[in-house]
């Protein structure tokens, strides 16, 4: 049998132990109370101070005082951080996990809204000409008003997500398929940002949208091959048009230059002929005037001048006497002396 040994009861030791426990508890409570008087706000943060659950004030970065014991509570919000939400796709983090834009803010189960990597319910949109486009985009934003962010809307992140998808669908619905697939990419981003920010300001969510980025806009999978064929045909058409324009720009200016050269040459020849004719006419009129004054002398002078101009170009000279019926022999100085001599 095991014999139980009775511990002697010492009231003085028990009392001292209880007093020690009480003192320690009081010290812990005092330390907790004193430490709850102060709090620190880091750089890039704002602290929203509530008193009995109601908004009281905003505390900037630094060391601040507040009422203890839960009378005032401080909720710190990062206002310098640029956040992002993705639509139609998810990025991969550095550790290999899939980026979930709502889980980063404490939402659980956000990645189970769609099975696997299928986010087409977010990205598949109807265009203005009744075509479908797979539009993937992201929204970059930051918290601009911590009070409105915490108190005006119950779930500002999900509200932003719903409004961003609505704004993008509205802009895509007002655009044609060609505009969505690339022609008006920048305009779609700007218009989506404008509509989204207007909605956020209307609901006073305390969020400022920095940028809407259109990651990609593609035709849906079942018709992607047909769209690719159409785009290739369009590119081939543009290539042929550019080549034709290049040939046009090379040939037409050269032809125009040649035509202008021919016209200029003809104009010069015309001017030369007209001036020469005018000179001949003036010279003939002067000769006519002199001929009228002395016909015989003028006739002889013209005859002699003509002979002086013509004879030097002659290689053979034949002198014919009116009274002799046959041709006289002559000395051809240019060809040498004839064998029969000269008469």
Protein backbone atom coordinates (compact mmCIF):
# COMPACT_ATOMS: atom_id res chain seq x y z
CA UNK A 1 0.00 0.00 0.00
CA UNK A 2 1.07 3.54 -0.75
CA UNK A 3 1.08 5.72 2.26
CA UNK A 4 -0.23 9.30 1.67
CA UNK A 5 1.81 11.96 3.40
CA UNK A 6 -0.06 14.97 4.62
CA UNK A 7 1.45 18.33 3.65
CA UNK A 8 1.42 20.66 6.56
CA UNK A 9 -0.80 23.71 6.03
CA UNK A 10 1.16 27.00 6.33
CA UNK A 11 -1.22 29.96 6.12
CA UNK A 12 1.59 32.50 6.09
CA UNK A 13 3.25 31.02 2.98
CA UNK A 14 -0.08 30.77 1.21
CA UNK A 15 -0.85 34.38 1.96
CA UNK A 16 2.55 35.52 0.69
CA UNK A 17 2.12 33.56 -2.55
CA UNK A 18 -1.29 35.11 -3.15
CA UNK A 19 0.06 38.57 -2.50
CA UNK A 20 2.90 37.99 -4.98
CA UNK A 21 0.45 36.85 -7.66
CA UNK A 22 -1.70 39.93 -7.05
CA UNK A 23 1.28 42.26 -7.33
CA UNK A 24 2.45 40.63 -10.56
CA UNK A 25 -1.05 40.87 -12.03
CA UNK A 26 -1.32 44.54 -11.07
CA UNK A 27 2.09 45.29 -12.60
CA UNK A 28 1.14 43.49 -15.82
CA UNK A 29 -2.15 45.40 -16.00
CA UNK A 30 -0.37 48.69 -15.33
CA UNK A 31 2.25 47.99 -17.99
CA UNK A 32 -0.43 47.02 -20.51
CA UNK A 33 -2.42 50.13 -19.64
CA UNK A 34 0.59 52.42 -19.95
CA UNK A 35 1.73 50.86 -23.21
CA UNK A 36 -1.76 51.29 -24.65
CA UNK A 37 -1.43 55.06 -24.25
CA UNK A 38 1.07 55.25 -27.13
CA UNK A 39 1.34 53.92 -30.66
CA UNK A 40 3.64 54.50 -33.63
CA UNK A 41 2.63 55.12 -37.24
CA UNK A 42 5.28 54.10 -39.78
CA UNK A 43 6.24 56.14 -42.84
CA UNK A 44 3.77 55.65 -45.69
CA UNK A 45 0.96 54.81 -43.27
CA UNK A 46 -2.06 56.58 -41.84
CA UNK A 47 -3.76 55.55 -38.59
CA UNK A 48 -7.52 55.84 -38.30
CA UNK A 49 -8.44 56.48 -34.63
CA UNK A 50 -11.87 55.33 -33.46
CA UNK A 51 -13.39 56.12 -30.07
CA UNK A 52 -15.90 53.52 -28.93
CA UNK A 53 -16.02 52.33 -32.56
CA UNK A 54 -16.82 55.76 -34.09
CA UNK A 55 -14.34 57.69 -36.24
CA UNK A 56 -12.41 60.31 -34.28
CA UNK A 57 -9.30 61.42 -36.21
CA UNK A 58 -6.47 60.55 -38.64
CA UNK A 59 -2.94 60.19 -37.26
CA UNK A 60 0.02 60.83 -39.62
CA UNK A 61 3.37 58.99 -39.35
CA UNK A 62 5.06 59.39 -35.97
CA UNK A 63 4.48 58.70 -32.24
CA UNK A 64 0.93 59.43 -31.01
CA UNK A 65 -1.18 59.27 -27.86
CA UNK A 66 -4.57 57.57 -27.49
CA UNK A 67 -6.92 56.64 -24.69
CA UNK A 68 -6.18 53.18 -23.27
CA UNK A 69 -8.22 50.10 -22.39
CA UNK A 70 -9.92 49.91 -25.80
CA UNK A 71 -11.54 53.32 -25.50
CA UNK A 72 -9.64 54.41 -28.61
CA UNK A 73 -8.27 52.02 -31.22
CA UNK A 74 -5.85 52.72 -34.07
CA UNK A 75 -6.16 51.00 -37.46
CA UNK A 76 -3.08 51.48 -39.65
CA UNK A 77 -3.48 51.73 -43.43
CA UNK A 78 -0.72 51.77 -46.06
CA UNK A 79 -1.45 54.78 -48.30
CA UNK A 80 1.80 54.77 -50.30
CA UNK A 81 1.50 51.22 -51.61
CA UNK A 82 0.41 50.81 -55.23
CA UNK A 83 -1.85 47.76 -55.29
CA UNK A 84 -3.00 45.68 -58.23
CA UNK A 85 -5.96 43.56 -59.23
CA UNK A 86 -5.88 41.27 -62.27
CA UNK A 87 -8.77 40.31 -64.54
CA UNK A 88 -8.77 37.29 -66.84
CA UNK A 89 -5.35 36.04 -65.71
CA UNK A 90 -3.17 35.62 -62.62
CA UNK A 91 0.53 36.33 -62.36
CA UNK A 92 3.02 33.96 -60.78
CA UNK A 93 4.81 35.11 -57.63
CA UNK A 94 8.54 34.76 -57.06
CA UNK A 95 7.98 31.67 -54.92
CA UNK A 96 6.05 29.95 -57.73
CA UNK A 97 2.60 30.50 -56.24
CA UNK A 98 -0.20 32.08 -58.23
CA UNK A 99 -0.81 35.75 -57.44
CA UNK A 100 -4.26 36.33 -55.94
CA UNK A 101 -5.16 39.98 -55.76
CA UNK A 102 -7.80 39.56 -53.07
CA UNK A 103 -5.95 37.16 -50.76
CA UNK A 104 -3.19 39.75 -50.43
CA UNK A 105 -5.64 41.88 -48.44
CA UNK A 106 -6.80 39.12 -46.12
CA UNK A 107 -9.67 37.66 -48.18
CA UNK A 108 -9.85 33.87 -47.98
CA UNK A 109 -11.05 31.53 -50.67
CA UNK A 110 -10.70 34.12 -53.41
CA UNK A 111 -8.76 31.82 -55.73
CA UNK A 112 -11.53 29.20 -55.67
CA UNK A 113 -14.01 31.40 -57.52
CA UNK A 114 -12.88 29.83 -60.80
CA UNK A 115 -11.65 26.33 -61.38
CA UNK A 116 -8.00 25.87 -62.38
CA UNK A 117 -6.63 28.67 -64.53
CA UNK A 118 -9.89 29.41 -66.33
CA UNK A 119 -10.71 33.09 -65.86
CA UNK A 120 -12.67 33.56 -69.08
CA UNK A 121 -15.74 34.65 -67.12
CA UNK A 122 -13.78 37.77 -66.25
CA UNK A 123 -12.18 38.38 -69.64
CA UNK A 124 -14.74 37.25 -72.26
CA UNK A 125 -16.57 40.39 -73.41
CA UNK A 126 -19.03 41.43 -76.12
CA UNK A 127 -17.93 44.22 -78.49
CA UNK A 128 -20.09 46.88 -80.06
CA UNK A 129 -20.34 45.02 -83.39
CA UNK A 130 -21.58 41.85 -81.61
CA UNK A 131 -18.24 40.01 -81.65
CA UNK A 132 -16.51 38.44 -78.68
CA UNK A 133 -13.05 39.32 -77.40
CA UNK A 134 -10.91 37.82 -74.66
CA UNK A 135 -9.72 40.96 -72.83
CA UNK A 136 -7.15 40.58 -70.04
CA UNK A 137 -6.35 43.69 -68.01
CA UNK A 138 -5.13 44.86 -64.62
CA UNK A 139 -5.92 47.84 -62.38
CA UNK A 140 -3.25 49.63 -60.36
CA UNK A 141 -4.48 51.78 -57.46
CA UNK A 142 -3.70 53.09 -54.01
CA UNK A 143 -5.69 54.17 -50.95
CA UNK A 144 -6.10 57.96 -51.00
CA UNK A 145 -8.50 58.44 -48.06
CA UNK A 146 -8.14 56.02 -45.15
CA UNK A 147 -11.39 57.16 -43.47
CA UNK A 148 -13.55 56.59 -46.56
CA UNK A 149 -11.75 53.33 -47.26
CA UNK A 150 -12.67 51.92 -43.83
CA UNK A 151 -16.13 53.36 -43.21
CA UNK A 152 -17.94 54.30 -46.45
CA UNK A 153 -17.98 50.92 -48.21
CA UNK A 154 -18.19 47.53 -46.55
CA UNK A 155 -15.81 45.80 -48.97
CA UNK A 156 -13.85 48.37 -51.01
CA UNK A 157 -11.56 45.84 -52.72
CA UNK A 158 -14.41 43.75 -54.09
CA UNK A 159 -16.30 46.94 -54.96
CA UNK A 160 -13.29 48.10 -56.97
CA UNK A 161 -13.15 44.74 -58.71
CA UNK A 162 -16.80 44.82 -59.70
CA UNK A 163 -16.64 48.44 -60.89
CA UNK A 164 -13.42 47.84 -62.86
CA UNK A 165 -14.93 44.89 -64.73
CA UNK A 166 -18.10 46.90 -65.38
CA UNK A 167 -16.13 49.90 -66.71
CA UNK A 168 -14.03 47.73 -69.04
CA UNK A 169 -17.08 45.88 -70.35
CA UNK A 170 -18.81 49.20 -71.01
CA UNK A 171 -15.89 50.61 -73.00
CA UNK A 172 -15.41 47.37 -74.96
CA UNK A 173 -19.14 47.27 -75.66
CA UNK A 174 -18.90 50.71 -77.27
CA UNK A 175 -15.98 49.66 -79.51
CA UNK A 176 -15.66 47.45 -82.56
CA UNK A 177 -13.70 44.22 -82.61
CA UNK A 178 -10.86 45.77 -84.67
CA UNK A 179 -10.55 48.64 -82.19
CA UNK A 180 -10.43 46.26 -79.22
CA UNK A 181 -7.84 43.97 -80.82
CA UNK A 182 -5.27 46.71 -81.18
CA UNK A 183 -6.24 49.85 -83.06
CA UNK A 184 -7.59 51.79 -80.04
CA UNK A 185 -5.71 50.08 -77.21
CA UNK A 186 -4.63 53.32 -75.52
CA UNK A 187 -8.07 54.90 -75.87
CA UNK A 188 -9.69 51.89 -74.21
CA UNK A 189 -7.30 52.13 -71.25
CA UNK A 190 -7.94 55.87 -70.82
CA UNK A 191 -11.72 55.56 -71.10
CA UNK A 192 -11.82 52.63 -68.67
CA UNK A 193 -9.73 54.56 -66.16
CA UNK A 194 -12.02 57.59 -66.47
CA UNK A 195 -15.23 55.58 -65.94
CA UNK A 196 -13.74 53.57 -63.07
CA UNK A 197 -12.45 56.62 -61.20
CA UNK A 198 -15.79 58.39 -61.63
CA UNK A 199 -17.56 55.40 -60.07
CA UNK A 200 -15.05 55.21 -57.19
CA UNK A 201 -15.53 58.92 -56.49
CA UNK A 202 -19.31 58.48 -56.58
CA UNK A 203 -19.18 55.72 -53.95
CA UNK A 204 -16.46 57.59 -51.98
CA UNK A 205 -14.38 54.46 -51.56
CA UNK A 206 -11.20 56.35 -50.70
CA UNK A 207 -9.35 54.71 -53.61
CA UNK A 208 -7.44 56.49 -56.38
CA UNK A 209 -6.95 54.47 -59.57
CA UNK A 210 -3.45 55.02 -60.90
CA UNK A 211 -3.67 53.10 -64.17
CA UNK A 212 -5.66 50.56 -66.16
CA UNK A 213 -3.36 48.29 -68.18
CA UNK A 214 -4.74 46.28 -71.09
CA UNK A 215 -2.55 43.17 -70.95
CA UNK A 216 -3.92 41.50 -74.08
CA UNK A 217 -7.00 41.47 -76.29
CA UNK A 218 -7.45 38.35 -78.40
CA UNK A 219 -10.28 36.63 -80.23
CA UNK A 220 -11.85 33.68 -78.39
CA UNK A 221 -10.12 30.31 -78.77
CA UNK A 222 -12.63 28.64 -81.15
CA UNK A 223 -12.33 31.43 -83.73
CA UNK A 224 -8.69 32.40 -83.16
CA UNK A 225 -7.52 30.63 -86.33
CA UNK A 226 -10.06 32.49 -88.46
CA UNK A 227 -9.03 35.82 -86.96
CA UNK A 228 -5.39 34.97 -87.61
CA UNK A 229 -6.16 34.26 -91.29
CA UNK A 230 -8.04 37.55 -91.58
CA UNK A 231 -5.16 39.45 -89.96
CA UNK A 232 -2.64 37.79 -92.28
CA UNK A 233 -4.75 38.74 -95.29
CA UNK A 234 -5.04 42.28 -93.98
CA UNK A 235 -1.28 42.51 -93.49
CA UNK A 236 -0.66 41.09 -96.99
CA UNK A 237 -3.06 43.65 -98.44
CA UNK A 238 -1.30 46.47 -96.60
CA UNK A 239 2.07 45.17 -97.82
CA UNK A 240 0.89 45.18 -101.45
CA UNK A 241 -0.56 48.66 -101.04
CA UNK A 242 2.71 49.93 -99.57
CA UNK A 243 4.71 48.37 -102.41
CA UNK A 244 2.37 49.93 -104.99
CA UNK A 245 2.68 53.31 -103.30
CA UNK A 246 6.46 52.96 -103.26
CA UNK A 247 6.50 52.18 -106.99
CA UNK A 248 4.11 55.05 -107.60
CA UNK A 249 6.34 57.44 -105.68
CA UNK A 250 9.37 56.28 -107.66
CA UNK A 251 7.91 56.21 -111.20
CA UNK A 252 5.47 59.12 -111.24
CA UNK A 253 7.92 61.81 -110.06
CA UNK A 254 10.53 60.56 -112.58
CA UNK A 255 7.97 60.67 -115.41
CA UNK A 256 6.86 64.12 -114.34
CA UNK A 257 10.48 65.27 -114.30
CA UNK A 258 11.06 63.91 -117.80
CA UNK A 259 7.85 65.55 -119.04
CA UNK A 260 8.90 68.86 -117.56
CA UNK A 261 12.32 68.49 -119.16
CA UNK A 262 10.78 67.82 -122.59
CA UNK A 263 8.43 70.77 -122.18
CA UNK A 264 11.30 73.02 -121.12
CA UNK A 265 13.40 71.89 -124.12
CA UNK A 266 10.48 72.53 -126.46
CA UNK A 267 9.89 75.94 -124.94
CA UNK A 268 13.57 76.80 -125.41
CA UNK A 269 13.56 75.56 -129.00
CA UNK A 270 10.38 77.52 -129.69
CA UNK A 271 11.87 80.68 -128.23
CA UNK A 272 15.05 80.17 -130.26
CA UNK A 273 13.14 79.66 -133.53
CA UNK A 274 10.92 82.67 -132.90
CA UNK A 275 13.86 84.92 -132.10
CA UNK A 276 15.77 83.67 -135.14
CA UNK A 277 12.75 84.25 -137.37
CA UNK A 278 12.29 87.71 -135.97
CA UNK A 279 15.97 88.41 -136.63
CA UNK A 280 15.68 87.13 -140.21
CA UNK A 281 12.62 89.25 -140.77
CA UNK A 282 14.39 92.32 -139.43
CA UNK A 283 17.45 91.58 -141.60
CA UNK A 284 15.27 91.03 -144.69
CA UNK A 285 13.45 94.30 -144.08
CA UNK A 286 16.78 96.15 -143.85
CA UNK A 287 18.02 94.52 -147.09
CA UNK A 288 14.73 95.35 -148.77
CA UNK A 289 15.15 98.95 -147.77
CA UNK A 290 18.66 99.06 -149.25
CA UNK A 291 17.51 97.15 -152.34
CA UNK A 292 14.79 99.69 -152.95
CA UNK A 293 17.35 102.48 -152.87
CA UNK A 294 19.86 100.79 -155.29
CA UNK A 295 18.58 97.62 -156.86
CA UNK A 296 21.51 96.82 -159.17
CA UNK A 297 24.20 97.36 -156.58
CA UNK A 298 22.32 95.55 -153.92
CA UNK A 299 21.65 92.58 -156.23
CA UNK A 300 25.34 92.25 -157.10
CA UNK A 301 26.36 92.56 -153.46
CA UNK A 302 23.96 89.85 -152.46
CA UNK A 303 25.26 87.65 -155.30
CA UNK A 304 28.86 88.13 -154.29
CA UNK A 305 28.11 87.56 -150.62
CA UNK A 306 26.29 84.36 -151.45
CA UNK A 307 29.20 83.11 -153.59
CA UNK A 308 31.66 84.03 -150.85
CA UNK A 309 29.64 81.94 -148.45
CA UNK A 310 29.00 78.96 -150.72
CA UNK A 311 32.20 78.53 -152.75
CA UNK A 312 34.52 77.75 -149.81
CA UNK A 313 32.41 74.69 -149.04
CA UNK A 314 32.62 73.35 -152.62
CA UNK A 315 35.13 70.54 -153.46
CA UNK A 316 34.86 70.89 -157.24
CA UNK A 317 34.35 74.01 -159.30
CA UNK A 318 32.91 73.83 -162.84
CA UNK A 319 32.90 76.99 -164.95
CA UNK A 320 30.42 76.97 -167.81
CA UNK A 321 30.61 79.44 -170.65
CA UNK A 322 27.31 80.34 -172.19
CA UNK A 323 28.75 80.30 -175.71
CA UNK A 324 30.58 76.97 -175.37
CA UNK A 325 28.50 73.84 -175.51
CA UNK A 326 30.99 71.55 -173.71
CA UNK A 327 32.46 71.66 -170.20
CA UNK A 328 35.90 73.24 -169.91
CA UNK A 329 38.73 71.37 -168.18
CA UNK A 330 39.96 73.01 -165.00
CA UNK A 331 42.78 72.59 -162.54
CA UNK A 332 41.65 70.77 -159.44
CA UNK A 333 44.08 72.13 -156.87
CA UNK A 334 42.58 70.07 -154.06
CA UNK A 335 42.95 66.70 -155.86
CA UNK A 336 46.24 67.44 -157.72
CA UNK A 337 47.16 68.32 -161.35
CA UNK A 338 45.27 66.39 -164.05
CA UNK A 339 47.21 64.19 -166.46
CA UNK A 340 45.96 66.00 -169.55
CA UNK A 341 47.06 69.39 -168.33
CA UNK A 342 44.95 72.54 -168.09
CA UNK A 343 43.49 74.54 -170.90
